[in-house]
């Protein structure tokens, strides 16, 4: 399917051809289609400029302003275009309306309450409109929405997890519906979908969610989140590249076993994750493995587990030092996330050696409560568990 911009360019070509035909006829009393050409040019220009401006806002949110060699005012005529767009009846231009709402959403970041855009209503409008546009345009729109949710999550706003899960699910359905060949999905998105679904495991969305390729065993919906997640892993593991499959599928299966409190199974699946390629999956696997080992250690308190934990912590610390030194892949917000986990785990593991909790346990507890990351829930629970031994 042609992109919306290519369709408009074709309309411009047809309008220009009609003008030339009228001019060649020599009939001066016939209006030479000038206003139609002008309106079509405006529609193309408005949409192209607005799409490009949304790409800038998305890039600016991802990258520090200091690294971008230009600013908003360098996008000429955008104020005039936005004013003109907002004066139009955008119900007749659903794609223009969607990109304008994305602009408004990004412009209000990080304060979602100051935005005039209702995210769920926008997502509903997108789901209705994407079937009439090209697959690439639909994926681009969903990418803007997912990036927005992810960045809100990085600020500790875990309420955006549900929105992000809905966006990912809608994107999967769109790709499967519109692609003529078997779609591939990014291994990182595969992992993130499982992680978010596990975080939302008590949410009622699993009673109503519809995902291409998955089918609940009961007509009233999935029994629980685990039924959906296990089906998702089983079906979509073959939609990620074969070279990445084993590492990411094992990570996800281990994460499911961990959430089901089957720590022995999680440990067997994950095994020794010391030589995994890929920065994010390397950190995520180490984080999960450390949590698994801690759960086993507080039950068994064996020297073997103690040695394994210390070795893994040292490996984790080395990865952080290497990343800080070379500044390769991680942005500061990602580095802070992984570094915070390391510091919390190190402190928790030290406390596990005490028979009775020392006074600084309360200080650590206060620090945990102020952490913006979802893993603080696990740390608080483990810390409270140590205090009741």
Protein backbone atom coordinates (compact mmCIF):
# COMPACT_ATOMS: atom_id res chain seq x y z
CA UNK A 1 0.00 0.00 0.00
CA UNK A 2 1.22 3.50 -0.86
CA UNK A 3 2.04 5.90 1.95
CA UNK A 4 -0.36 8.78 2.58
CA UNK A 5 2.23 11.21 1.26
CA UNK A 6 2.69 9.22 -1.95
CA UNK A 7 -1.09 9.18 -2.43
CA UNK A 8 -1.16 12.96 -2.07
CA UNK A 9 1.72 13.32 -4.54
CA UNK A 10 -0.28 11.24 -7.01
CA UNK A 11 -3.27 13.53 -6.47
CA UNK A 12 -1.03 16.53 -7.11
CA UNK A 13 0.19 14.96 -10.36
CA UNK A 14 -3.39 14.30 -11.49
CA UNK A 15 -4.47 17.83 -10.57
CA UNK A 16 -1.48 19.27 -12.48
CA UNK A 17 -2.28 17.08 -15.50
CA UNK A 18 -5.86 18.35 -15.47
CA UNK A 19 -4.60 21.95 -15.35
CA UNK A 20 -2.29 21.38 -18.32
CA UNK A 21 -5.07 19.72 -20.29
CA UNK A 22 -7.35 22.73 -19.69
CA UNK A 23 -4.59 25.13 -20.68
CA UNK A 24 -3.85 23.22 -23.88
CA UNK A 25 -7.52 23.37 -24.82
CA UNK A 26 -7.30 27.16 -24.94
CA UNK A 27 -10.64 27.50 -23.15
CA UNK A 28 -9.93 30.47 -20.89
CA UNK A 29 -13.44 30.42 -19.48
CA UNK A 30 -12.70 27.04 -17.84
CA UNK A 31 -11.07 27.40 -14.41
CA UNK A 32 -7.67 25.66 -14.65
CA UNK A 33 -7.97 23.66 -11.40
CA UNK A 34 -5.72 26.03 -9.45
CA UNK A 35 -7.47 25.91 -6.09
CA UNK A 36 -7.62 22.11 -6.15
CA UNK A 37 -3.86 22.03 -6.80
CA UNK A 38 -3.24 24.51 -4.00
CA UNK A 39 -5.36 22.56 -1.49
CA UNK A 40 -3.67 19.27 -2.38
CA UNK A 41 -0.23 20.87 -2.08
CA UNK A 42 -1.24 22.23 1.35
CA UNK A 43 -2.44 18.80 2.49
CA UNK A 44 0.83 17.19 1.40
CA UNK A 45 2.95 19.94 2.93
CA UNK A 46 1.06 20.00 6.24
CA UNK A 47 1.24 16.22 6.68
CA UNK A 48 4.92 15.96 5.67
CA UNK A 49 6.00 18.83 7.91
CA UNK A 50 3.97 17.55 10.87
CA UNK A 51 5.31 14.00 10.51
CA UNK A 52 8.87 15.32 10.34
CA UNK A 53 8.26 17.54 13.38
CA UNK A 54 6.92 14.56 15.38
CA UNK A 55 10.08 12.66 14.44
CA UNK A 56 12.10 15.57 15.84
CA UNK A 57 10.11 15.61 19.11
CA UNK A 58 10.61 11.86 19.47
CA UNK A 59 14.35 12.18 18.80
CA UNK A 60 14.66 15.10 21.21
CA UNK A 61 13.03 13.09 23.96
CA UNK A 62 15.46 10.24 23.39
CA UNK A 63 18.64 12.28 22.99
CA UNK A 64 19.87 15.12 25.16
CA UNK A 65 19.13 18.56 23.71
CA UNK A 66 22.81 19.36 23.95
CA UNK A 67 23.63 16.77 21.29
CA UNK A 68 21.10 18.10 18.73
CA UNK A 69 22.58 20.90 16.59
CA UNK A 70 19.21 22.58 16.02
CA UNK A 71 16.11 23.62 17.96
CA UNK A 72 12.35 23.84 17.53
CA UNK A 73 12.44 27.35 16.05
CA UNK A 74 14.62 26.05 13.21
CA UNK A 75 11.62 24.18 11.83
CA UNK A 76 10.35 27.00 9.65
CA UNK A 77 6.63 27.80 9.43
CA UNK A 78 5.65 25.16 12.00
CA UNK A 79 3.77 27.68 14.14
CA UNK A 80 1.74 28.80 11.15
CA UNK A 81 1.10 25.21 10.08
CA UNK A 82 -0.03 24.19 13.59
CA UNK A 83 -2.36 27.20 13.76
CA UNK A 84 -3.83 26.31 10.38
CA UNK A 85 -4.21 22.64 11.31
CA UNK A 86 -6.00 23.44 14.57
CA UNK A 87 -8.47 25.65 12.71
CA UNK A 88 -9.46 22.81 10.40
CA UNK A 89 -12.10 20.15 10.98
CA UNK A 90 -9.69 17.31 11.59
CA UNK A 91 -12.46 14.71 11.62
CA UNK A 92 -12.10 14.76 7.83
CA UNK A 93 -8.33 14.25 8.11
CA UNK A 94 -7.85 11.38 10.61
CA UNK A 95 -4.12 10.93 9.91
CA UNK A 96 -3.40 14.63 10.31
CA UNK A 97 -5.43 14.56 13.52
CA UNK A 98 -3.42 11.60 14.87
CA UNK A 99 -0.05 13.22 14.20
CA UNK A 100 -1.25 16.49 15.71
CA UNK A 101 -2.30 14.65 18.88
CA UNK A 102 1.08 12.93 18.99
CA UNK A 103 2.66 16.38 18.77
CA UNK A 104 0.51 17.61 21.66
CA UNK A 105 1.33 14.49 23.69
CA UNK A 106 5.07 14.96 23.24
CA UNK A 107 4.90 18.72 23.78
CA UNK A 108 3.39 18.20 27.26
CA UNK A 109 5.98 15.57 28.30
CA UNK A 110 6.58 14.65 31.07
CA UNK A 111 3.37 16.10 32.57
CA UNK A 112 0.69 13.95 30.97
CA UNK A 113 -2.01 15.73 33.00
CA UNK A 114 -1.32 19.04 31.24
CA UNK A 115 -1.98 17.51 27.81
CA UNK A 116 -5.35 17.89 26.12
CA UNK A 117 -4.85 14.42 24.63
CA UNK A 118 -6.59 11.39 26.13
CA UNK A 119 -4.12 8.55 25.51
CA UNK A 120 -6.69 5.75 25.42
CA UNK A 121 -8.92 7.70 23.04
CA UNK A 122 -5.92 8.44 20.82
CA UNK A 123 -4.99 4.74 20.81
CA UNK A 124 -8.57 3.84 19.86
CA UNK A 125 -8.48 6.37 16.98
CA UNK A 126 -5.17 4.95 15.81
CA UNK A 127 -6.50 1.37 15.82
CA UNK A 128 -9.40 2.47 13.60
CA UNK A 129 -7.24 4.49 11.21
CA UNK A 130 -4.18 2.27 10.72
CA UNK A 131 -6.10 -0.23 8.60
CA UNK A 132 -6.51 2.44 5.89
CA UNK A 133 -2.85 3.49 5.73
CA UNK A 134 0.39 1.70 4.86
CA UNK A 135 1.93 -0.79 7.27
CA UNK A 136 5.06 1.33 7.67
CA UNK A 137 2.99 4.38 8.65
CA UNK A 138 1.00 2.36 11.15
CA UNK A 139 4.14 0.94 12.74
CA UNK A 140 5.65 4.45 12.89
CA UNK A 141 2.61 5.79 14.75
CA UNK A 142 2.63 2.90 17.22
CA UNK A 143 6.37 3.45 17.72
CA UNK A 144 5.74 7.06 18.73
CA UNK A 145 3.13 5.93 21.26
CA UNK A 146 5.33 3.14 22.65
CA UNK A 147 8.35 5.46 22.93
CA UNK A 148 6.24 7.97 24.84
CA UNK A 149 5.08 5.29 27.31
CA UNK A 150 8.60 3.93 27.76
CA UNK A 151 9.95 7.37 28.60
CA UNK A 152 7.17 7.91 31.11
CA UNK A 153 8.13 4.56 32.65
CA UNK A 154 11.74 5.73 32.94
CA UNK A 155 10.42 8.51 35.16
CA UNK A 156 8.89 5.92 37.47
CA UNK A 157 5.33 6.24 36.12
CA UNK A 158 4.45 2.57 36.07
CA UNK A 159 0.82 3.35 35.25
CA UNK A 160 2.03 3.65 31.66
CA UNK A 161 2.85 -0.06 31.63
CA UNK A 162 -0.75 -0.89 30.74
CA UNK A 163 -0.78 1.68 27.92
CA UNK A 164 2.51 0.34 26.58
CA UNK A 165 1.18 -3.23 26.68
CA UNK A 166 -1.90 -2.17 24.71
CA UNK A 167 0.26 -0.42 22.12
CA UNK A 168 2.54 -3.43 21.68
CA UNK A 169 -0.47 -5.72 21.32
CA UNK A 170 -2.10 -3.43 18.75
CA UNK A 171 1.17 -3.23 16.80
CA UNK A 172 1.46 -7.03 16.74
CA UNK A 173 -2.10 -7.37 15.46
CA UNK A 174 -1.54 -4.73 12.77
CA UNK A 175 1.67 -6.34 11.50
CA UNK A 176 0.01 -9.74 11.28
CA UNK A 177 -3.12 -8.39 9.59
CA UNK A 178 -1.37 -6.28 6.95
CA UNK A 179 1.80 -8.20 6.18
CA UNK A 180 1.72 -10.67 3.31
CA UNK A 181 4.58 -12.65 4.76
CA UNK A 182 5.31 -14.04 8.23
CA UNK A 183 6.33 -11.06 10.33
CA UNK A 184 9.46 -10.84 12.46
CA UNK A 185 9.44 -8.93 15.73
CA UNK A 186 12.39 -7.32 17.44
CA UNK A 187 13.89 -9.52 20.16
CA UNK A 188 13.92 -6.56 22.56
CA UNK A 189 10.20 -5.95 22.06
CA UNK A 190 9.58 -9.69 22.55
CA UNK A 191 11.34 -9.50 25.93
CA UNK A 192 9.64 -6.24 26.93
CA UNK A 193 6.16 -7.61 26.17
CA UNK A 194 6.78 -10.55 28.49
CA UNK A 195 8.23 -8.32 31.23
CA UNK A 196 5.28 -5.92 31.06
CA UNK A 197 2.74 -8.75 31.00
CA UNK A 198 4.34 -10.21 34.13
CA UNK A 199 4.17 -6.81 35.81
CA UNK A 200 0.46 -6.61 34.88
CA UNK A 201 -0.25 -10.19 35.93
CA UNK A 202 -3.14 -9.19 38.22
CA UNK A 203 -4.70 -6.78 35.70
CA UNK A 204 -8.12 -7.80 34.26
CA UNK A 205 -6.96 -7.00 30.70
CA UNK A 206 -6.18 -10.70 30.19
CA UNK A 207 -9.89 -11.46 30.34
CA UNK A 208 -10.52 -9.41 27.19
CA UNK A 209 -7.27 -9.10 25.24
CA UNK A 210 -7.16 -10.38 21.66
CA UNK A 211 -3.75 -11.17 20.19
CA UNK A 212 -3.08 -12.61 16.76
CA UNK A 213 -2.12 -16.29 16.98
CA UNK A 214 -3.18 -16.74 20.61
CA UNK A 215 -6.40 -18.39 21.79
CA UNK A 216 -7.65 -18.66 25.38
CA UNK A 217 -8.71 -22.12 26.52
CA UNK A 218 -11.91 -20.67 28.01
CA UNK A 219 -14.48 -18.58 26.06
CA UNK A 220 -14.49 -15.97 28.84
CA UNK A 221 -10.84 -15.13 28.26
CA UNK A 222 -7.51 -16.28 29.55
CA UNK A 223 -7.49 -17.96 32.95
CA UNK A 224 -4.71 -15.64 34.04
CA UNK A 225 -1.77 -13.68 32.72
CA UNK A 226 0.44 -16.76 32.74
CA UNK A 227 -1.78 -18.55 30.21
CA UNK A 228 -1.45 -15.59 27.83
CA UNK A 229 2.30 -15.17 28.43
CA UNK A 230 3.13 -18.84 27.90
CA UNK A 231 1.09 -18.87 24.67
CA UNK A 232 2.82 -15.68 23.56
CA UNK A 233 6.29 -17.15 24.12
CA UNK A 234 5.36 -20.42 22.40
CA UNK A 235 3.91 -18.69 19.32
CA UNK A 236 6.09 -15.62 18.87
CA UNK A 237 9.45 -17.24 19.66
CA UNK A 238 9.51 -18.27 16.00
CA UNK A 239 8.98 -14.65 14.94
CA UNK A 240 12.33 -13.48 16.33
CA UNK A 241 15.59 -14.17 14.52
CA UNK A 242 17.01 -17.62 15.14
CA UNK A 243 20.38 -16.28 16.32
CA UNK A 244 18.66 -14.42 19.18
CA UNK A 245 15.97 -16.97 19.97
CA UNK A 246 17.56 -19.19 22.62
CA UNK A 247 18.85 -16.36 24.83
CA UNK A 248 15.62 -14.34 24.79
CA UNK A 249 13.24 -17.28 25.08
CA UNK A 250 15.20 -18.74 28.00
CA UNK A 251 15.20 -15.36 29.72
CA UNK A 252 11.42 -15.05 29.30
CA UNK A 253 10.68 -18.61 30.41
CA UNK A 254 12.90 -18.12 33.46
CA UNK A 255 11.11 -14.85 34.25
CA UNK A 256 7.76 -16.66 34.13
CA UNK A 257 9.02 -19.43 36.44
CA UNK A 258 10.41 -16.79 38.81
CA UNK A 259 7.03 -15.00 39.02
CA UNK A 260 5.38 -18.37 39.64
CA UNK A 261 7.86 -18.80 42.53
CA UNK A 262 9.36 -21.91 40.96
CA UNK A 263 12.92 -20.73 41.61
CA UNK A 264 14.54 -24.11 40.98
CA UNK A 265 12.98 -24.25 37.52
CA UNK A 266 13.98 -20.64 36.81
CA UNK A 267 17.53 -21.48 37.84
CA UNK A 268 17.63 -24.54 35.56
CA UNK A 269 16.35 -22.55 32.58
CA UNK A 270 18.70 -19.62 33.00
CA UNK A 271 21.82 -21.55 33.98
CA UNK A 272 25.00 -19.43 33.87
CA UNK A 273 24.34 -16.16 31.99
CA UNK A 274 27.91 -14.84 31.92
CA UNK A 275 28.64 -14.77 28.19
CA UNK A 276 25.51 -13.32 26.62
CA UNK A 277 25.93 -10.90 23.73
CA UNK A 278 23.87 -7.71 23.77
CA UNK A 279 24.09 -5.03 26.42
CA UNK A 280 20.47 -4.86 27.59
CA UNK A 281 19.81 -8.61 27.64
CA UNK A 282 23.14 -9.09 29.41
CA UNK A 283 22.15 -6.74 32.22
CA UNK A 284 18.54 -8.01 32.37
CA UNK A 285 19.64 -11.63 32.56
CA UNK A 286 22.12 -10.89 35.33
CA UNK A 287 19.43 -9.00 37.26
CA UNK A 288 17.00 -11.89 37.00
CA UNK A 289 19.64 -14.46 37.84
CA UNK A 290 20.72 -12.54 40.94
CA UNK A 291 17.11 -12.41 42.14
CA UNK A 292 16.72 -16.14 41.55
CA UNK A 293 19.92 -16.91 43.44
CA UNK A 294 18.89 -14.72 46.37
CA UNK A 295 15.55 -16.53 46.65
CA UNK A 296 17.39 -19.85 46.72
CA UNK A 297 20.06 -18.54 49.10
CA UNK A 298 17.66 -17.36 51.82
CA UNK A 299 16.19 -20.88 51.85
CA UNK A 300 19.36 -22.93 51.53
CA UNK A 301 22.17 -20.57 52.68
CA UNK A 302 24.81 -22.70 50.97
CA UNK A 303 28.44 -21.79 50.34
CA UNK A 304 28.05 -22.70 46.68
CA UNK A 305 25.23 -20.19 46.22
CA UNK A 306 27.15 -17.56 48.16
CA UNK A 307 30.15 -18.00 45.88
CA UNK A 308 27.96 -17.87 42.75
CA UNK A 309 26.24 -14.68 43.91
CA UNK A 310 29.56 -12.97 44.66
CA UNK A 311 30.97 -13.97 41.29
CA UNK A 312 27.87 -12.74 39.48
CA UNK A 313 27.89 -9.45 41.40
CA UNK A 314 31.52 -8.95 40.40
CA UNK A 315 30.64 -9.69 36.77
CA UNK A 316 27.75 -7.23 36.98
CA UNK A 317 29.98 -4.56 38.52
CA UNK A 318 32.56 -5.12 35.78
CA UNK A 319 29.91 -4.64 33.13
CA UNK A 320 28.87 -1.35 34.73
CA UNK A 321 32.47 -0.14 34.93
CA UNK A 322 33.13 -1.11 31.34
CA UNK A 323 30.00 0.70 30.18
CA UNK A 324 30.83 3.82 32.19
CA UNK A 325 34.37 3.87 30.85
CA UNK A 326 33.56 3.34 27.19
CA UNK A 327 30.10 5.01 27.13
CA UNK A 328 29.04 2.64 24.41
CA UNK A 329 25.35 1.78 24.36
CA UNK A 330 23.61 2.92 27.52
CA UNK A 331 22.07 6.34 27.92
CA UNK A 332 22.33 7.83 31.41
CA UNK A 333 18.77 6.80 32.33
CA UNK A 334 19.52 3.17 31.46
CA UNK A 335 22.84 3.24 33.28
CA UNK A 336 21.16 4.70 36.38
CA UNK A 337 18.54 1.94 36.27
CA UNK A 338 21.07 -0.89 36.17
CA UNK A 339 23.45 0.81 38.62
CA UNK A 340 20.64 1.38 41.12
CA UNK A 341 19.72 -2.30 41.00
CA UNK A 342 23.34 -3.25 41.68
CA UNK A 343 23.63 -0.94 44.70
CA UNK A 344 20.32 -2.16 46.14
CA UNK A 345 21.20 -5.81 45.66
CA UNK A 346 24.63 -5.35 47.20
CA UNK A 347 23.07 -3.74 50.26
CA UNK A 348 20.34 -6.38 50.54
CA UNK A 349 22.87 -9.20 50.29
CA UNK A 350 25.00 -7.66 53.06
CA UNK A 351 21.93 -7.42 55.29
CA UNK A 352 21.09 -11.08 54.68
CA UNK A 353 24.18 -12.04 56.71
CA UNK A 354 22.76 -10.47 59.91
CA UNK A 355 20.72 -12.57 62.29
CA UNK A 356 19.07 -9.42 63.61
CA UNK A 357 18.52 -6.39 61.47
CA UNK A 358 20.98 -3.54 62.16
CA UNK A 359 19.77 0.06 62.63
CA UNK A 360 20.68 1.11 59.09
CA UNK A 361 18.02 -1.29 57.74
CA UNK A 362 15.45 1.48 58.16
CA UNK A 363 17.61 3.90 56.19
CA UNK A 364 17.83 1.39 53.37
CA UNK A 365 14.09 0.86 53.51
CA UNK A 366 13.50 4.60 53.15
CA UNK A 367 15.88 4.75 50.20
CA UNK A 368 14.05 1.90 48.48
CA UNK A 369 10.69 3.60 48.81
CA UNK A 370 12.02 6.63 46.92
CA UNK A 371 13.40 4.62 44.01
CA UNK A 372 11.36 5.20 40.82
CA UNK A 373 11.94 1.72 39.41
CA UNK A 374 9.51 -1.22 39.69
CA UNK A 375 12.15 -3.60 41.06
CA UNK A 376 11.90 -1.72 44.38
CA UNK A 377 8.80 -3.82 45.18
CA UNK A 378 10.87 -7.02 45.20
CA UNK A 379 13.63 -5.42 47.30
CA UNK A 380 11.17 -4.11 49.88
CA UNK A 381 9.52 -7.51 50.15
CA UNK A 382 12.85 -9.29 50.59
CA UNK A 383 14.04 -6.72 53.11
CA UNK A 384 10.88 -7.16 55.19
CA UNK A 385 11.35 -10.92 54.96
CA UNK A 386 14.83 -10.67 56.43
CA UNK A 387 13.48 -8.72 59.35
CA UNK A 388 11.01 -11.49 60.26
CA UNK A 389 13.46 -14.41 60.24
